[in-house]
Amino acid sequence: MAALFLYMCTRAARSVIYVDGFNLYYGVLKNAACKWLDLQRFFTLLRPNDDIRAIKYFTAIVEPGPRRIRQEALLRALATLPLVETILGRFKQKQVTCRTALAFPSRSRRNGERG
């Protein structure tokens, strides 16, 4: 019985990591000097005792332009990492109402990432 307990205590926790690319970018990377993050290395360093089985990176392709070119380069780089799987969703337009100081409603369309 003691050998079984020792085995259970020394076995690494199996982990699957889920990353919301939209929140990662806007919460951490947007104003950072470096916009690239090696997800596999980052989580291996963050969780050294875990047996990381997969890293699932969820994102949506941005509108055409320089941001898309940078995003496509990042996605190509992430595709070279054996543990990282990119799952593409889509942006969903939603109506946002914002009241101004004069209490006149202003409406605009805004993209939000949705699966």
Protein backbone atom coordinates (compact mmCIF):
# COMPACT_ATOMS: atom_id res chain seq x y z
CA MET A 1 0.00 0.00 0.00
CA ALA A 2 2.86 2.41 0.80
CA ALA A 3 4.38 1.86 -2.66
CA LEU A 4 1.06 2.78 -4.33
CA PHE A 5 0.81 5.96 -2.25
CA LEU A 6 4.40 6.92 -3.14
CA TYR A 7 3.68 6.34 -6.84
CA MET A 8 0.57 8.53 -6.69
CA CYS A 9 2.46 11.34 -4.93
CA THR A 10 5.36 11.39 -7.37
CA ARG A 11 3.32 11.16 -10.57
CA ALA A 12 3.06 14.48 -12.44
CA ALA A 13 -0.39 16.00 -12.86
CA ARG A 14 -1.61 15.63 -16.42
CA SER A 15 -2.69 19.02 -17.78
CA VAL A 16 -4.41 20.41 -20.84
CA ILE A 17 -4.09 24.19 -21.03
CA TYR A 18 -6.70 26.40 -22.69
CA VAL A 19 -5.65 29.87 -23.87
CA ASP A 20 -8.05 32.60 -24.98
CA GLY A 21 -5.89 34.40 -27.56
CA PHE A 22 -8.11 37.50 -27.58
CA ASN A 23 -7.77 38.03 -23.82
CA LEU A 24 -4.08 37.09 -23.83
CA TYR A 25 -3.36 39.75 -26.46
CA TYR A 26 -5.51 42.57 -25.06
CA GLY A 27 -4.79 41.76 -21.42
CA VAL A 28 -1.03 41.16 -21.57
CA LEU A 29 0.65 41.55 -24.94
CA LYS A 30 -0.93 44.57 -26.64
CA ASN A 31 1.09 47.19 -24.74
CA ALA A 32 4.15 45.01 -24.23
CA ALA A 33 7.37 45.65 -26.12
CA CYS A 34 7.41 42.03 -27.31
CA LYS A 35 4.21 40.67 -28.83
CA TRP A 36 5.35 37.06 -29.25
CA LEU A 37 4.99 34.41 -26.59
CA ASP A 38 6.23 30.84 -26.93
CA LEU A 39 3.21 29.23 -25.28
CA GLN A 40 4.80 25.83 -24.92
CA ARG A 41 7.92 27.16 -23.20
CA PHE A 42 5.91 29.59 -21.06
CA PHE A 43 3.59 26.93 -19.65
CA THR A 44 6.40 24.39 -19.26
CA LEU A 45 8.24 26.94 -17.09
CA LEU A 46 5.05 27.98 -15.29
CA ARG A 47 4.03 24.38 -14.47
CA PRO A 48 7.34 22.45 -14.26
CA ASN A 49 5.82 19.54 -12.31
CA ASP A 50 2.89 19.00 -14.69
CA ASP A 51 2.75 16.54 -17.55
CA ILE A 52 1.37 19.01 -20.13
CA ARG A 53 -0.49 16.99 -22.73
CA ALA A 54 -1.79 19.81 -24.93
CA ILE A 55 -2.10 23.59 -25.18
CA LYS A 56 -5.26 24.70 -26.98
CA TYR A 57 -5.00 28.25 -28.32
CA PHE A 58 -8.35 29.79 -29.28
CA THR A 59 -8.44 32.82 -31.55
CA ALA A 60 -10.18 34.37 -34.56
CA ILE A 61 -8.58 35.78 -37.69
CA VAL A 62 -8.50 39.58 -37.57
CA GLU A 63 -9.50 41.87 -40.44
CA PRO A 64 -7.13 42.19 -43.43
CA GLY A 65 -4.17 44.49 -42.97
CA PRO A 66 -0.90 44.64 -41.01
CA ARG A 67 -2.45 43.08 -37.91
CA ARG A 68 -3.55 40.03 -39.90
CA ILE A 69 -0.08 39.63 -41.41
CA ARG A 70 1.44 39.64 -37.90
CA GLN A 71 -1.23 37.28 -36.61
CA GLU A 72 -0.68 34.82 -39.47
CA ALA A 73 3.08 34.85 -38.75
CA LEU A 74 2.35 34.09 -35.08
CA LEU A 75 -0.03 31.25 -35.99
CA ARG A 76 2.58 29.74 -38.33
CA ALA A 77 5.15 29.89 -35.51
CA LEU A 78 2.73 28.31 -33.01
CA ALA A 79 2.02 25.52 -35.51
CA THR A 80 5.66 24.41 -35.17
CA LEU A 81 5.20 23.67 -31.45
CA PRO A 82 4.18 20.04 -30.90
CA LEU A 83 1.90 20.68 -27.91
CA VAL A 84 0.08 23.72 -29.31
CA GLU A 85 -3.16 23.33 -31.25
CA THR A 86 -4.81 26.46 -32.69
CA ILE A 87 -8.60 26.49 -32.76
CA LEU A 88 -10.09 29.21 -34.96
CA GLY A 89 -13.39 30.84 -34.12
CA ARG A 90 -14.96 33.94 -35.64
CA PHE A 91 -15.76 37.49 -34.65
CA LYS A 92 -19.40 38.31 -34.03
CA GLN A 93 -20.59 41.86 -34.50
CA LYS A 94 -22.64 43.22 -31.65
CA GLN A 95 -24.42 46.51 -31.12
CA VAL A 96 -23.02 48.67 -28.32
CA THR A 97 -24.96 51.61 -26.87
CA CYS A 98 -22.99 54.32 -25.12
CA ARG A 99 -24.62 57.32 -23.48
CA THR A 100 -22.75 60.60 -23.76
CA ALA A 101 -22.57 63.31 -21.11
CA LEU A 102 -25.55 65.01 -22.76
CA ALA A 103 -27.64 61.82 -22.42
CA PHE A 104 -27.91 61.27 -26.18
CA PRO A 105 -27.45 57.60 -27.02
CA SER A 106 -24.74 56.77 -29.51
CA ARG A 107 -24.71 53.43 -31.31
CA SER A 108 -21.80 51.70 -32.95
CA ARG A 109 -20.85 48.23 -34.08
CA ARG A 110 -18.01 46.44 -32.39
CA ASN A 111 -16.39 43.09 -33.05
CA GLY A 112 -16.10 40.64 -30.21
CA GLU A 113 -14.52 37.22 -30.45
CA ARG A 114 -16.97 34.34 -30.36
CA GLY A 115 -16.50 30.62 -30.95
